[in-house]
C-alpha atoms as a PDB file:
ATOM      1  CA  MET A   1      52.173 -14.067  29.129  1.00  0.00           C
ATOM      2  CA  PHE A   2      49.498 -13.775  31.806  1.00  0.00           C
ATOM      3  CA  ASN A   3      47.070 -16.387  30.488  1.00  0.00           C
ATOM      4  CA  LEU A   4      46.673 -19.842  32.006  1.00  0.00           C
ATOM      5  CA  ASP A   5      44.990 -21.477  29.029  1.00  0.00           C
ATOM      6  CA  ASN A   6      44.471 -25.205  29.621  1.00  0.00           C
ATOM      7  CA  LYS A   7      46.677 -25.260  32.706  1.00  0.00           C
ATOM      8  CA  ILE A   8      45.529 -27.594  35.487  1.00  0.00           C
ATOM      9  CA  ALA A   9      45.356 -25.988  38.926  1.00  0.00           C
ATOM     10  CA  LEU A  10      44.740 -27.672  42.288  1.00  0.00           C
ATOM     11  CA  ILE A  11      43.684 -25.381  45.126  1.00  0.00           C
ATOM     12  CA  THR A  12      43.319 -26.472  48.748  1.00  0.00           C
ATOM     13  CA  GLY A  13      40.911 -24.413  50.801  1.00  0.00           C
ATOM     14  CA  GLY A  14      39.204 -23.719  47.483  1.00  0.00           C
ATOM     15  CA  GLY A  15      35.662 -23.736  48.813  1.00  0.00           C
ATOM     16  CA  ARG A  16      35.707 -20.277  50.363  1.00  0.00           C
ATOM     17  CA  GLY A  17      37.707 -17.136  51.047  1.00  0.00           C
ATOM     18  CA  LEU A  18      40.972 -16.511  49.256  1.00  0.00           C
ATOM     19  CA  GLY A  19      41.124 -20.040  47.845  1.00  0.00           C
ATOM     20  CA  ARG A  20      37.741 -19.598  46.197  1.00  0.00           C
ATOM     21  CA  ALA A  21      38.748 -16.192  44.823  1.00  0.00           C
ATOM     22  CA  ILE A  22      41.940 -17.629  43.335  1.00  0.00           C
ATOM     23  CA  ALA A  23      40.062 -20.570  41.817  1.00  0.00           C
ATOM     24  CA  LEU A  24      37.655 -18.234  40.020  1.00  0.00           C
ATOM     25  CA  ALA A  25      40.479 -15.935  38.906  1.00  0.00           C
ATOM     26  CA  PHE A  26      42.374 -18.892  37.457  1.00  0.00           C
ATOM     27  CA  ALA A  27      39.260 -20.006  35.576  1.00  0.00           C
ATOM     28  CA  ASP A  28      38.902 -16.492  34.139  1.00  0.00           C
ATOM     29  CA  ALA A  29      42.524 -16.752  32.994  1.00  0.00           C
ATOM     30  CA  GLY A  30      41.829 -20.028  31.187  1.00  0.00           C
ATOM     31  CA  ALA A  31      42.753 -22.729  33.710  1.00  0.00           C
ATOM     32  CA  ASN A  32      40.854 -25.887  34.555  1.00  0.00           C
ATOM     33  CA  VAL A  33      40.595 -26.131  38.325  1.00  0.00           C
ATOM     34  CA  ALA A  34      40.316 -28.765  41.046  1.00  0.00           C
ATOM     35  CA  VAL A  35      39.175 -27.326  44.365  1.00  0.00           C
ATOM     36  CA  ALA A  36      39.574 -29.169  47.648  1.00  0.00           C
ATOM     37  CA  SER A  37      38.254 -28.691  51.165  1.00  0.00           C
ATOM     38  CA  ARG A  38      36.314 -30.527  53.849  1.00  0.00           C
ATOM     39  CA  SER A  39      32.959 -28.937  52.934  1.00  0.00           C
ATOM     40  CA  ARG A  40      31.253 -30.496  49.902  1.00  0.00           C
ATOM     41  CA  ASP A  41      28.510 -27.868  49.678  1.00  0.00           C
ATOM     42  CA  GLN A  42      31.017 -25.043  49.320  1.00  0.00           C
ATOM     43  CA  LEU A  43      33.020 -27.005  46.750  1.00  0.00           C
ATOM     44  CA  ASP A  44      29.951 -27.709  44.620  1.00  0.00           C
ATOM     45  CA  GLU A  45      29.140 -23.985  44.476  1.00  0.00           C
ATOM     46  CA  VAL A  46      32.654 -23.124  43.338  1.00  0.00           C
ATOM     47  CA  VAL A  47      32.668 -25.930  40.756  1.00  0.00           C
ATOM     48  CA  ASP A  48      29.383 -24.632  39.316  1.00  0.00           C
ATOM     49  CA  ALA A  49      30.849 -21.124  39.087  1.00  0.00           C
ATOM     50  CA  ILE A  50      33.968 -22.410  37.303  1.00  0.00           C
ATOM     51  CA  ARG A  51      31.958 -24.461  34.833  1.00  0.00           C
ATOM     52  CA  ALA A  52      29.825 -21.400  34.116  1.00  0.00           C
ATOM     53  CA  LYS A  53      33.046 -19.861  32.781  1.00  0.00           C
ATOM     54  CA  ASP A  54      33.356 -22.790  30.313  1.00  0.00           C
ATOM     55  CA  ARG A  55      36.238 -24.363  32.199  1.00  0.00           C
ATOM     56  CA  ARG A  56      36.533 -27.898  33.565  1.00  0.00           C
ATOM     57  CA  ALA A  57      36.289 -28.286  37.330  1.00  0.00           C
ATOM     58  CA  LEU A  58      36.596 -30.980  39.983  1.00  0.00           C
ATOM     59  CA  ALA A  59      35.529 -31.000  43.632  1.00  0.00           C
ATOM     60  CA  VAL A  60      37.616 -33.123  46.015  1.00  0.00           C
ATOM     61  CA  GLU A  61      36.766 -33.538  49.681  1.00  0.00           C
ATOM     62  CA  CYS A  62      40.025 -33.453  51.598  1.00  0.00           C
ATOM     63  CA  ASP A  63      41.325 -32.976  55.122  1.00  0.00           C
ATOM     64  CA  VAL A  64      44.794 -31.537  54.499  1.00  0.00           C
ATOM     65  CA  SER A  65      45.932 -32.490  58.008  1.00  0.00           C
ATOM     66  CA  GLU A  66      45.710 -36.164  57.011  1.00  0.00           C
ATOM     67  CA  SER A  67      48.452 -37.496  54.732  1.00  0.00           C
ATOM     68  CA  ALA A  68      46.249 -40.196  53.191  1.00  0.00           C
ATOM     69  CA  SER A  69      43.516 -37.676  52.404  1.00  0.00           C
ATOM     70  CA  VAL A  70      45.996 -35.409  50.627  1.00  0.00           C
ATOM     71  CA  ALA A  71      47.375 -38.344  48.622  1.00  0.00           C
ATOM     72  CA  GLN A  72      43.828 -39.209  47.546  1.00  0.00           C
ATOM     73  CA  MET A  73      43.245 -35.571  46.515  1.00  0.00           C
ATOM     74  CA  VAL A  74      46.361 -35.541  44.345  1.00  0.00           C
ATOM     75  CA  ASN A  75      45.526 -38.895  42.772  1.00  0.00           C
ATOM     76  CA  ALA A  76      41.946 -37.824  42.023  1.00  0.00           C
ATOM     77  CA  THR A  77      43.123 -34.604  40.369  1.00  0.00           C
ATOM     78  CA  ARG A  78      45.697 -36.398  38.279  1.00  0.00           C
ATOM     79  CA  ALA A  79      43.161 -39.072  37.262  1.00  0.00           C
ATOM     80  CA  GLU A  80      40.683 -36.416  36.130  1.00  0.00           C
ATOM     81  CA  PHE A  81      43.061 -34.077  34.320  1.00  0.00           C
ATOM     82  CA  GLY A  82      46.195 -36.116  33.609  1.00  0.00           C
ATOM     83  CA  ARG A  83      48.597 -33.629  35.162  1.00  0.00           C
ATOM     84  CA  ILE A  84      48.916 -30.832  37.737  1.00  0.00           C
ATOM     85  CA  ASP A  85      50.535 -27.597  36.559  1.00  0.00           C
ATOM     86  CA  ILE A  86      49.718 -25.341  39.510  1.00  0.00           C
ATOM     87  CA  LEU A  87      49.256 -26.006  43.225  1.00  0.00           C
ATOM     88  CA  VAL A  88      47.882 -23.373  45.580  1.00  0.00           C
ATOM     89  CA  ASN A  89      47.844 -24.170  49.296  1.00  0.00           C
ATOM     90  CA  SER A  90      45.180 -21.905  50.739  1.00  0.00           C
ATOM     91  CA  ALA A  91      43.655 -24.148  53.423  1.00  0.00           C
ATOM     92  CA  GLY A  92      44.160 -22.564  56.820  1.00  0.00           C
ATOM     93  CA  VAL A  93      42.790 -22.070  60.310  1.00  0.00           C
ATOM     94  CA  ALA A  94      43.411 -19.611  63.130  1.00  0.00           C
ATOM     95  CA  TYR A  95      42.446 -19.204  66.770  1.00  0.00           C
ATOM     96  CA  PRO A  96      43.474 -16.085  68.705  1.00  0.00           C
ATOM     97  CA  GLU A  97      45.037 -16.884  72.078  1.00  0.00           C
ATOM     98  CA  LYS A  98      48.027 -15.838  74.104  1.00  0.00           C
ATOM     99  CA  ILE A  99      50.805 -18.422  73.952  1.00  0.00           C
ATOM    100  CA  THR A 100      50.374 -19.250  77.644  1.00  0.00           C
ATOM    101  CA  ASP A 101      46.730 -20.152  76.990  1.00  0.00           C
ATOM    102  CA  VAL A 102      47.250 -22.318  73.901  1.00  0.00           C
ATOM    103  CA  SER A 103      46.438 -25.977  74.520  1.00  0.00           C
ATOM    104  CA  ASP A 104      48.328 -28.867  72.960  1.00  0.00           C
ATOM    105  CA  ALA A 105      45.244 -29.685  70.883  1.00  0.00           C
ATOM    106  CA  THR A 106      44.913 -26.150  69.508  1.00  0.00           C
ATOM    107  CA  TRP A 107      48.616 -25.948  68.662  1.00  0.00           C
ATOM    108  CA  ASP A 108      48.523 -29.295  66.884  1.00  0.00           C
ATOM    109  CA  TRP A 109      45.346 -28.375  64.969  1.00  0.00           C
ATOM    110  CA  ILE A 110      46.789 -25.095  63.650  1.00  0.00           C
ATOM    111  CA  ILE A 111      50.248 -26.447  62.806  1.00  0.00           C
ATOM    112  CA  LYS A 112      48.883 -29.617  61.182  1.00  0.00           C
ATOM    113  CA  THR A 113      46.430 -27.682  59.028  1.00  0.00           C
ATOM    114  CA  ASN A 114      48.496 -24.662  58.041  1.00  0.00           C
ATOM    115  CA  LEU A 115      52.007 -26.091  57.839  1.00  0.00           C
ATOM    116  CA  THR A 116      51.946 -29.880  57.805  1.00  0.00           C
ATOM    117  CA  GLY A 117      49.010 -29.905  55.383  1.00  0.00           C
ATOM    118  CA  ALA A 118      50.898 -27.664  52.980  1.00  0.00           C
ATOM    119  CA  PHE A 119      53.924 -29.950  53.325  1.00  0.00           C
ATOM    120  CA  TYR A 120      51.845 -33.018  52.428  1.00  0.00           C
ATOM    121  CA  ALA A 121      50.418 -31.306  49.340  1.00  0.00           C
ATOM    122  CA  CYS A 122      53.740 -29.829  48.216  1.00  0.00           C
ATOM    123  CA  ARG A 123      55.551 -33.131  48.637  1.00  0.00           C
ATOM    124  CA  ASP A 124      52.980 -35.191  46.720  1.00  0.00           C
ATOM    125  CA  VAL A 125      52.370 -32.655  43.965  1.00  0.00           C
ATOM    126  CA  ALA A 126      56.088 -31.894  43.554  1.00  0.00           C
ATOM    127  CA  ARG A 127      56.613 -35.557  42.778  1.00  0.00           C
ATOM    128  CA  VAL A 128      54.081 -35.235  39.954  1.00  0.00           C
ATOM    129  CA  MET A 129      55.699 -32.014  38.732  1.00  0.00           C
ATOM    130  CA  ILE A 130      59.166 -33.588  38.733  1.00  0.00           C
ATOM    131  CA  GLU A 131      57.842 -36.261  36.364  1.00  0.00           C
ATOM    132  CA  GLN A 132      56.361 -33.522  34.177  1.00  0.00           C
ATOM    133  CA  LYS A 133      59.544 -31.440  34.410  1.00  0.00           C
ATOM    134  CA  SER A 134      57.486 -28.331  35.144  1.00  0.00           C
ATOM    135  CA  GLY A 135      55.155 -26.801  37.695  1.00  0.00           C
ATOM    136  CA  CYS A 136      54.292 -23.854  39.892  1.00  0.00           C
ATOM    137  CA  ILE A 137      53.482 -23.895  43.619  1.00  0.00           C
ATOM    138  CA  ILE A 138      51.957 -20.962  45.498  1.00  0.00           C
ATOM    139  CA  ASN A 139      51.656 -21.168  49.274  1.00  0.00           C
ATOM    140  CA  ILE A 140      49.355 -18.733  51.049  1.00  0.00           C
ATOM    141  CA  ALA A 141      51.050 -17.530  54.233  1.00  0.00           C
ATOM    142  CA  SER A 142      50.274 -14.279  56.092  1.00  0.00           C
ATOM    143  CA  VAL A 143      51.856 -11.065  57.273  1.00  0.00           C
ATOM    144  CA  ALA A 144      51.617 -12.746  60.687  1.00  0.00           C
ATOM    145  CA  GLY A 145      54.386 -15.097  59.550  1.00  0.00           C
ATOM    146  CA  ALA A 146      56.729 -12.119  59.321  1.00  0.00           C
ATOM    147  CA  LYS A 147      55.441  -9.753  62.023  1.00  0.00           C
ATOM    148  CA  GLY A 148      54.376 -12.085  64.836  1.00  0.00           C
ATOM    149  CA  PRO A 149      51.290 -10.245  66.138  1.00  0.00           C
ATOM    150  CA  PRO A 150      50.462 -10.828  69.830  1.00  0.00           C
ATOM    151  CA  GLY A 151      47.661 -13.305  70.359  1.00  0.00           C
ATOM    152  CA  LEU A 152      48.431 -15.319  67.235  1.00  0.00           C
ATOM    153  CA  GLY A 153      51.471 -17.310  68.294  1.00  0.00           C
ATOM    154  CA  ALA A 154      50.461 -20.674  66.833  1.00  0.00           C
ATOM    155  CA  TYR A 155      49.152 -19.101  63.629  1.00  0.00           C
ATOM    156  CA  ALA A 156      52.272 -16.925  63.222  1.00  0.00           C
ATOM    157  CA  ALA A 157      54.503 -19.954  63.797  1.00  0.00           C
ATOM    158  CA  SER A 158      52.652 -21.951  61.139  1.00  0.00           C
ATOM    159  CA  LYS A 159      52.848 -19.173  58.574  1.00  0.00           C
ATOM    160  CA  GLY A 160      56.443 -18.242  59.351  1.00  0.00           C
ATOM    161  CA  GLY A 161      57.335 -21.895  58.977  1.00  0.00           C
ATOM    162  CA  LEU A 162      55.501 -22.005  55.659  1.00  0.00           C
ATOM    163  CA  ILE A 163      57.554 -19.086  54.344  1.00  0.00           C
ATOM    164  CA  ALA A 164      60.839 -20.798  55.263  1.00  0.00           C
ATOM    165  CA  PHE A 165      59.617 -24.144  53.935  1.00  0.00           C
ATOM    166  CA  THR A 166      58.654 -22.602  50.583  1.00  0.00           C
ATOM    167  CA  ARG A 167      62.104 -21.082  50.110  1.00  0.00           C
ATOM    168  CA  VAL A 168      63.691 -24.502  50.601  1.00  0.00           C
ATOM    169  CA  LEU A 169      61.145 -26.081  48.274  1.00  0.00           C
ATOM    170  CA  ALA A 170      62.012 -23.532  45.600  1.00  0.00           C
ATOM    171  CA  LEU A 171      65.759 -24.076  45.852  1.00  0.00           C
ATOM    172  CA  GLU A 172      65.482 -27.857  45.833  1.00  0.00           C
ATOM    173  CA  ASN A 173      63.389 -27.916  42.672  1.00  0.00           C
ATOM    174  CA  THR A 174      64.696 -25.256  40.293  1.00  0.00           C
ATOM    175  CA  ARG A 175      66.510 -27.954  38.306  1.00  0.00           C
ATOM    176  CA  HIS A 176      63.157 -29.636  37.720  1.00  0.00           C
ATOM    177  CA  ASN A 177      61.680 -26.429  36.269  1.00  0.00           C
ATOM    178  CA  ILE A 178      59.407 -26.035  39.298  1.00  0.00           C
ATOM    179  CA  ARG A 179      58.847 -22.626  40.859  1.00  0.00           C
ATOM    180  CA  ALA A 180      57.567 -22.061  44.417  1.00  0.00           C
ATOM    181  CA  ASN A 181      56.521 -18.732  45.907  1.00  0.00           C
ATOM    182  CA  VAL A 182      54.550 -17.298  48.812  1.00  0.00           C
ATOM    183  CA  ILE A 183      51.657 -14.855  48.874  1.00  0.00           C
ATOM    184  CA  ALA A 184      51.399 -13.373  52.360  1.00  0.00           C
ATOM    185  CA  PRO A 185      48.123 -11.461  52.773  1.00  0.00           C
ATOM    186  CA  GLY A 186      47.205  -9.013  55.457  1.00  0.00           C
ATOM    187  CA  TYR A 187      43.604  -8.681  56.603  1.00  0.00           C
ATOM    188  CA  PHE A 188      41.093  -9.657  53.928  1.00  0.00           C
ATOM    189  CA  ARG A 189      37.338  -9.840  54.395  1.00  0.00           C
ATOM    190  CA  THR A 190      36.932 -13.614  54.454  1.00  0.00           C
ATOM    191  CA  ASP A 191      34.936 -16.024  56.615  1.00  0.00           C
ATOM    192  CA  MET A 192      37.974 -16.332  58.885  1.00  0.00           C
ATOM    193  CA  ASN A 193      38.308 -12.586  59.500  1.00  0.00           C
ATOM    194  CA  SER A 194      34.794 -11.175  59.154  1.00  0.00           C
ATOM    195  CA  ALA A 195      33.834 -11.589  62.811  1.00  0.00           C
ATOM    196  CA  ALA A 196      36.897  -9.664  63.989  1.00  0.00           C
ATOM    197  CA  LEU A 197      36.496  -6.969  61.332  1.00  0.00           C
ATOM    198  CA  ASP A 198      32.823  -6.488  62.230  1.00  0.00           C
ATOM    199  CA  ASP A 199      33.466  -6.368  65.983  1.00  0.00           C
ATOM    200  CA  PRO A 200      32.868  -2.742  67.112  1.00  0.00           C
ATOM    201  CA  ASP A 201      35.896  -2.824  69.401  1.00  0.00           C
ATOM    202  CA  ILE A 202      38.354  -4.965  67.455  1.00  0.00           C
ATOM    203  CA  GLY A 203      37.474  -4.017  63.879  1.00  0.00           C
ATOM    204  CA  PRO A 204      38.481  -0.323  64.024  1.00  0.00           C
ATOM    205  CA  LYS A 205      41.811  -1.247  65.644  1.00  0.00           C
ATOM    206  CA  ILE A 206      42.597  -3.696  62.846  1.00  0.00           C
ATOM    207  CA  VAL A 207      41.673  -1.248  60.113  1.00  0.00           C
ATOM    208  CA  GLY A 208      43.552   1.515  61.907  1.00  0.00           C
ATOM    209  CA  ARG A 209      46.801  -0.467  61.499  1.00  0.00           C
ATOM    210  CA  ILE A 210      46.317  -0.663  57.723  1.00  0.00           C
ATOM    211  CA  PRO A 211      47.547   2.435  55.860  1.00  0.00           C
ATOM    212  CA  MET A 212      44.790   2.063  53.240  1.00  0.00           C
ATOM    213  CA  ARG A 213      42.275   2.038  56.122  1.00  0.00           C
ATOM    214  CA  ARG A 214      40.325  -0.959  54.893  1.00  0.00           C
ATOM    215  CA  ALA A 215      40.528  -4.716  54.631  1.00  0.00           C
ATOM    216  CA  GLY A 216      41.284  -6.370  51.316  1.00  0.00           C
ATOM    217  CA  LYS A 217      38.600  -7.894  49.132  1.00  0.00           C
ATOM    218  CA  PRO A 218      39.156 -11.571  48.213  1.00  0.00           C
ATOM    219  CA  GLU A 219      39.047 -10.784  44.495  1.00  0.00           C
ATOM    220  CA  GLU A 220      42.025  -8.435  44.951  1.00  0.00           C
ATOM    221  CA  ILE A 221      44.368 -11.403  45.412  1.00  0.00           C
ATOM    222  CA  GLY A 222      43.527 -12.984  42.055  1.00  0.00           C
ATOM    223  CA  GLY A 223      45.774 -10.849  39.867  1.00  0.00           C
ATOM    224  CA  LEU A 224      48.878 -11.602  41.924  1.00  0.00           C
ATOM    225  CA  ALA A 225      48.102 -15.328  41.925  1.00  0.00           C
ATOM    226  CA  ILE A 226      47.610 -15.322  38.146  1.00  0.00           C
ATOM    227  CA  TYR A 227      50.926 -13.522  37.684  1.00  0.00           C
ATOM    228  CA  LEU A 228      52.827 -16.035  39.832  1.00  0.00           C
ATOM    229  CA  ALA A 229      51.207 -19.001  38.077  1.00  0.00           C
ATOM    230  CA  SER A 230      51.832 -17.645  34.582  1.00  0.00           C
ATOM    231  CA  ASP A 231      54.812 -17.430  32.251  1.00  0.00           C
ATOM    232  CA  ALA A 232      55.099 -13.759  33.201  1.00  0.00           C
ATOM    233  CA  ALA A 233      56.734 -14.965  36.442  1.00  0.00           C
ATOM    234  CA  SER A 234      59.081 -17.465  34.792  1.00  0.00           C
ATOM    235  CA  PHE A 235      62.118 -15.959  36.601  1.00  0.00           C
ATOM    236  CA  VAL A 236      60.381 -15.746  39.993  1.00  0.00           C
ATOM    237  CA  THR A 237      60.937 -18.413  42.637  1.00  0.00           C
ATOM    238  CA  GLY A 238      61.550 -18.533  46.383  1.00  0.00           C
ATOM    239  CA  GLU A 239      59.996 -15.089  46.833  1.00  0.00           C
ATOM    240  CA  VAL A 240      57.470 -13.712  49.332  1.00  0.00           C
ATOM    241  CA  PHE A 241      54.815 -11.286  48.069  1.00  0.00           C
ATOM    242  CA  PHE A 242      53.027  -9.280  50.745  1.00  0.00           C
ATOM    243  CA  ILE A 243      49.583  -7.932  49.873  1.00  0.00           C
ATOM    244  CA  SER A 244      48.476  -5.981  52.909  1.00  0.00           C
ATOM    245  CA  GLY A 245      47.254  -2.484  52.035  1.00  0.00           C
ATOM    246  CA  GLY A 246      50.607  -1.083  53.151  1.00  0.00           C
ATOM    247  CA  GLU A 247      50.718  -2.829  56.543  1.00  0.00           C
ATOM    248  CA  MET A 248      54.095  -4.421  55.818  1.00  0.00           C
ATOM    249  CA  ALA A 249      55.570  -1.074  54.806  1.00  0.00           C
ATOM    250  CA  GLN A 250      55.372   0.199  58.378  1.00  0.00           C
END
């Protein structure tokens, strides 16, 4: 029930961090994977790693904040593989600032990347999945979308919006045999978070708020993503799965 043999997965933000970890986990589970991001070098490394697992892989340069770029990504994936069974929206950005200091440009950048970009991908891929009469969508949000930590107003708004959006997406598409769920991570050691975690003043405070007293490792998200993408989760849709080392239990 947990294998993804010959499934076709498309992962935005697949060149690094949690997106990369999920792409490799899916390949281990038997999926063929298209990875998308703005950085070709990172994509090529992930594609090589997937192919080393004897799975097919495709690298697609894409700026998720641009509708036309997302449409091209979806078309390229469908042209290469013929279908899209799984979509993971992992592309994301953050910039810590108090709300009163956030500029229009920063707000627009974060919302367009984290929320509007996921909307573009979900809309275009859902159309493909409706034709197929099946599909699975996993949106990567954050505990910030539920807790609203000070200093991350724009990021929290984007991720909270993504959680609400995914619930609507799930309810609108159950009749098409499409499932949509959210993984909401806490602090993981990724490129986005490493600087804060390694800061001698900030890092201990972050870890101190996590009951397990450590940040997550990117590979620790793979099992949950495989579960949600597999037949084992066939009765699961519109749900939010926190993976935070106990942070959300407080």
